[in-house]
Amino acid sequence: QVQLVESGGGLVQPGGSMRLSCVAPETIFSVSTMNWYRQRPGKQRELVAGISSGGIKRYTDSVKGRFTISRDNAKNTVYLQSNSLKPADTAVYYCNVGGVLGVRGGAHWGKGTQVTVSS
């Protein structure tokens, strides 16, 4: 079982920022695409951003220009920097490993971290 551990969620005001982190096992991190998904209330889980092992990035349209995905291979960690947050960004955010960049994730998931954007 691949263990992915997310952190960094919480409550933030509209217009605010938040950084999520996800630590993955060293054995797979350096060779894998890493993804962030989210599941908003009443909605299906959606792919938000992905980054390849070589650093190529993809984003869903609704977060382009506001969210930035990055990775630190020395720390086996992927980040999601979220700026100009909106109430519509409220969701449980999940880390995911593998899959096809910008198309679909892989089979392994973190437990998720709640992000709530509200005044």
Protein backbone atom coordinates (compact mmCIF):
# COMPACT_ATOMS: atom_id res chain seq x y z
CA GLN A 1 0.00 0.00 0.00
CA VAL A 2 1.38 3.40 -1.01
CA GLN A 3 1.01 5.93 1.79
CA LEU A 4 0.44 9.57 0.84
CA VAL A 5 0.16 12.08 3.67
CA GLU A 6 -1.46 15.47 3.06
CA SER A 7 -1.28 18.50 5.33
CA GLY A 8 -2.06 22.20 5.27
CA GLY A 9 -5.82 22.42 5.03
CA GLY A 10 -8.06 24.61 7.15
CA LEU A 11 -10.27 27.67 7.10
CA VAL A 12 -9.30 30.66 4.97
CA GLN A 13 -11.13 33.84 4.03
CA PRO A 14 -12.09 34.60 0.43
CA GLY A 15 -9.13 36.11 -1.39
CA GLY A 16 -6.71 34.38 0.94
CA SER A 17 -3.99 31.82 0.29
CA MET A 18 -3.14 28.35 1.45
CA ARG A 19 -0.41 25.81 0.75
CA LEU A 20 -1.09 22.10 0.80
CA SER A 21 1.68 19.53 1.09
CA CYS A 22 1.82 15.82 0.35
CA VAL A 23 4.66 13.48 1.24
CA ALA A 24 5.06 10.29 -0.76
CA PRO A 25 7.41 7.30 -0.45
CA GLU A 26 10.84 7.98 -1.87
CA THR A 27 10.75 4.85 -4.01
CA ILE A 28 7.94 6.12 -6.19
CA PHE A 29 8.03 9.90 -5.83
CA SER A 30 10.99 10.68 -8.06
CA VAL A 31 9.67 8.69 -11.02
CA SER A 32 5.97 9.50 -10.76
CA THR A 33 3.50 12.11 -11.82
CA MET A 34 1.93 13.69 -8.75
CA ASN A 35 -1.60 15.05 -8.73
CA TRP A 36 -4.00 17.06 -6.62
CA TYR A 37 -7.69 16.27 -6.81
CA ARG A 38 -10.57 17.86 -4.97
CA GLN A 39 -14.11 16.90 -4.15
CA ARG A 40 -16.48 19.76 -3.59
CA PRO A 41 -19.75 19.25 -1.68
CA GLY A 42 -22.22 17.38 -3.84
CA LYS A 43 -19.76 17.06 -6.72
CA GLN A 44 -17.59 14.34 -8.20
CA ARG A 45 -13.90 14.27 -7.47
CA GLU A 46 -12.01 16.34 -10.04
CA LEU A 47 -8.39 16.62 -11.12
CA VAL A 48 -7.11 20.06 -10.12
CA ALA A 49 -3.41 19.94 -11.02
CA GLY A 50 -0.65 17.54 -11.94
CA ILE A 51 3.13 17.66 -12.24
CA SER A 52 5.29 15.15 -14.05
CA SER A 53 8.53 13.75 -12.73
CA GLY A 54 10.28 16.18 -15.05
CA GLY A 55 8.34 19.19 -13.81
CA ILE A 56 5.72 19.65 -16.53
CA LYS A 57 2.53 21.05 -15.04
CA ARG A 58 -1.14 20.90 -15.94
CA TYR A 59 -4.15 22.64 -14.35
CA THR A 60 -7.88 22.52 -14.66
CA ASP A 61 -9.25 25.73 -16.16
CA SER A 62 -10.97 26.95 -13.00
CA VAL A 63 -7.68 27.26 -11.08
CA LYS A 64 -5.31 28.49 -13.80
CA GLY A 65 -3.50 31.63 -12.69
CA ARG A 66 -4.47 31.09 -9.04
CA PHE A 67 -3.02 27.70 -8.10
CA THR A 68 0.55 26.49 -8.52
CA ILE A 69 1.71 22.92 -8.21
CA SER A 70 5.35 22.21 -7.44
CA ARG A 71 7.53 19.39 -6.20
CA ASP A 72 10.64 19.04 -4.08
CA ASN A 73 12.33 15.79 -5.03
CA ALA A 74 14.77 16.03 -2.12
CA LYS A 75 11.84 15.99 0.31
CA ASN A 76 9.55 13.63 -1.65
CA THR A 77 6.91 16.33 -1.36
CA VAL A 78 4.42 17.88 -3.75
CA TYR A 79 2.81 21.23 -2.97
CA LEU A 80 -0.30 23.07 -4.07
CA GLN A 81 -0.09 26.82 -3.53
CA SER A 82 -3.58 28.26 -3.76
CA ASN A 83 -4.08 32.03 -4.05
CA SER A 84 -7.13 34.26 -4.52
CA LEU A 85 -9.25 31.54 -2.99
CA LYS A 86 -12.99 31.56 -3.58
CA PRO A 87 -15.83 29.91 -1.70
CA ALA A 88 -16.17 27.61 -4.74
CA ASP A 89 -12.72 26.22 -3.89
CA THR A 90 -14.10 24.74 -0.70
CA ALA A 91 -13.45 21.00 -0.94
CA VAL A 92 -11.57 18.04 0.38
CA TYR A 93 -8.24 18.02 -1.43
CA TYR A 94 -6.57 14.70 -2.17
CA CYS A 95 -3.03 13.84 -3.15
CA ASN A 96 -2.66 11.19 -5.85
CA VAL A 97 0.26 9.48 -7.55
CA GLY A 98 0.64 8.18 -11.08
CA GLY A 99 -1.71 8.18 -14.04
CA VAL A 100 -1.48 10.29 -17.19
CA LEU A 101 -0.53 13.95 -16.71
CA GLY A 102 -3.51 16.23 -17.09
CA VAL A 103 -5.85 13.37 -17.95
CA ARG A 104 -6.29 11.05 -14.99
CA GLY A 105 -4.62 10.08 -11.76
CA GLY A 106 -3.30 6.79 -10.53
CA ALA A 107 -4.57 4.20 -8.09
CA HIS A 108 -3.13 5.55 -4.85
CA TRP A 109 -4.69 8.28 -2.76
CA GLY A 110 -4.09 10.20 0.41
CA LYS A 111 -6.84 10.52 3.00
CA GLY A 112 -7.57 14.11 2.03
CA THR A 113 -7.44 17.46 3.74
CA GLN A 114 -10.37 19.86 4.11
CA VAL A 115 -10.08 23.38 2.73
CA THR A 116 -12.90 25.75 3.63
CA VAL A 117 -13.07 29.21 2.09
CA SER A 118 -15.49 31.34 4.04
CA SER A 119 -15.79 34.69 5.75
